[in-house]
Amino acid sequence: MLCVWWQEEITEMPMKSGQVVGESSEEVERAMDAHHLSLAGIVRDADKLRLSTLKEVMGILTPRQGVNFLVSTKKLHLSMHEWGKKMKHQSVGRKGNRDEVVGTSVCFK
């Protein structure tokens, strides 16, 4: 997932003095590996929570209600996906005017 505001903040961070663009740093690599593992754990926990919540909701609903619920959530998901694509298209169409994009928190897959 790519968050526009996060990406721009990272690219504006100052580098250590003497570091060349594109040069690998063991310290940076270790930090990125730790960050990657942390994010993987968060995603794994979120997936478990989503699945257990879905099981609980489906256990409460009648079969017909369950089907309606699943269809509605899929429609919502698709609508959000289309909205995200529209927002991405609009931000790209701004011809590089960074002032309009900085500070947004729209995320895209």
Protein backbone atom coordinates (compact mmCIF):
# COMPACT_ATOMS: atom_id res chain seq x y z
CA MET A 1 0.00 0.00 0.00
CA LEU A 2 1.29 3.42 -0.93
CA CYS A 3 0.40 6.53 1.04
CA VAL A 4 1.07 9.71 -0.89
CA TRP A 5 1.87 11.89 2.13
CA TRP A 6 4.23 9.31 3.65
CA GLN A 7 6.14 8.83 0.42
CA GLU A 8 6.71 12.54 0.02
CA GLU A 9 7.83 13.03 3.62
CA ILE A 10 10.39 10.22 3.25
CA THR A 11 11.81 11.65 0.02
CA GLU A 12 12.30 15.03 1.69
CA MET A 13 14.27 13.65 4.66
CA PRO A 14 17.87 14.83 4.74
CA MET A 15 20.60 12.26 4.20
CA LYS A 16 23.59 11.73 6.47
CA SER A 17 26.54 13.85 5.48
CA GLY A 18 28.86 12.05 3.12
CA GLN A 19 26.23 9.54 2.06
CA VAL A 20 25.80 9.13 -1.67
CA VAL A 21 22.33 8.72 -3.19
CA GLY A 22 21.73 5.04 -3.84
CA GLU A 23 24.54 3.95 -1.50
CA SER A 24 23.58 1.07 0.77
CA SER A 25 23.95 1.47 4.50
CA GLU A 26 24.00 -1.48 6.89
CA GLU A 27 22.31 0.63 9.55
CA VAL A 28 19.51 1.57 7.17
CA GLU A 29 19.15 -2.04 6.00
CA ARG A 30 18.84 -3.28 9.60
CA ALA A 31 16.26 -0.61 10.41
CA MET A 32 14.27 -1.42 7.28
CA ASP A 33 14.35 -5.16 8.06
CA ALA A 34 13.07 -4.52 11.59
CA HIS A 35 10.38 -2.20 10.23
CA HIS A 36 9.36 -4.80 7.64
CA LEU A 37 9.02 -7.51 10.30
CA SER A 38 6.98 -5.19 12.50
CA LEU A 39 4.62 -4.31 9.65
CA ALA A 40 4.26 -7.98 8.69
CA GLY A 41 3.18 -8.75 12.27
CA ILE A 42 0.63 -5.95 12.21
CA VAL A 43 -0.82 -7.17 8.91
CA ARG A 44 -0.97 -10.76 10.22
CA ASP A 45 -2.77 -9.64 13.39
CA ALA A 46 -5.18 -7.47 11.37
CA ASP A 47 -6.01 -10.43 9.13
CA LYS A 48 -6.72 -12.64 12.15
CA LEU A 49 -8.96 -9.96 13.64
CA ARG A 50 -10.82 -9.49 10.34
CA LEU A 51 -11.42 -13.21 9.99
CA SER A 52 -12.56 -13.73 13.58
CA THR A 53 -14.87 -10.70 13.32
CA LEU A 54 -16.37 -12.01 10.09
CA LYS A 55 -16.94 -15.44 11.66
CA GLU A 56 -18.68 -13.86 14.66
CA VAL A 57 -20.90 -11.66 12.48
CA MET A 58 -21.81 -14.58 10.22
CA GLY A 59 -22.65 -16.66 13.30
CA ILE A 60 -25.17 -14.05 14.44
CA LEU A 61 -26.90 -13.56 11.09
CA THR A 62 -29.38 -15.83 9.34
CA PRO A 63 -28.08 -17.40 6.11
CA ARG A 64 -30.02 -14.88 4.00
CA GLN A 65 -28.72 -11.97 6.09
CA GLY A 66 -25.21 -13.39 5.80
CA VAL A 67 -25.41 -13.44 2.02
CA ASN A 68 -26.77 -9.88 1.96
CA PHE A 69 -24.00 -8.78 4.31
CA LEU A 70 -21.26 -10.35 2.16
CA VAL A 71 -22.70 -8.86 -1.04
CA SER A 72 -22.94 -5.42 0.58
CA THR A 73 -19.37 -5.54 1.89
CA LYS A 74 -18.10 -6.55 -1.54
CA LYS A 75 -20.00 -3.65 -3.14
CA LEU A 76 -18.48 -1.29 -0.56
CA HIS A 77 -15.00 -2.67 -1.23
CA LEU A 78 -15.39 -2.20 -5.00
CA SER A 79 -16.75 1.33 -4.53
CA MET A 80 -13.80 2.26 -2.31
CA HIS A 81 -11.41 0.78 -4.88
CA GLU A 82 -12.97 2.85 -7.67
CA TRP A 83 -12.86 5.96 -5.48
CA GLY A 84 -9.17 5.34 -4.79
CA LYS A 85 -8.42 4.98 -8.50
CA LYS A 86 -10.33 8.22 -9.17
CA MET A 87 -8.38 10.06 -6.47
CA LYS A 88 -5.09 8.70 -7.80
CA HIS A 89 -6.00 9.79 -11.31
CA GLN A 90 -6.92 13.26 -10.07
CA SER A 91 -3.65 13.64 -8.14
CA VAL A 92 -1.62 12.54 -11.18
CA GLY A 93 -3.56 14.95 -13.38
CA ARG A 94 -2.47 17.94 -11.31
CA LYS A 95 0.67 18.24 -13.43
CA GLY A 96 3.06 17.89 -10.54
CA ASN A 97 1.61 20.63 -8.34
CA ARG A 98 3.03 19.21 -5.10
CA ASP A 99 1.23 21.73 -2.88
CA GLU A 100 -2.10 20.08 -3.63
CA VAL A 101 -0.86 16.56 -2.94
CA VAL A 102 1.30 17.10 0.17
CA GLY A 103 -0.57 16.40 3.37
CA THR A 104 -3.17 14.11 1.85
CA SER A 105 -3.58 10.70 3.40
CA VAL A 106 -5.19 8.86 0.51
CA CYS A 107 -3.70 5.39 0.20
CA PHE A 108 -3.68 3.13 -2.84
CA LYS A 109 -2.91 -0.56 -3.28
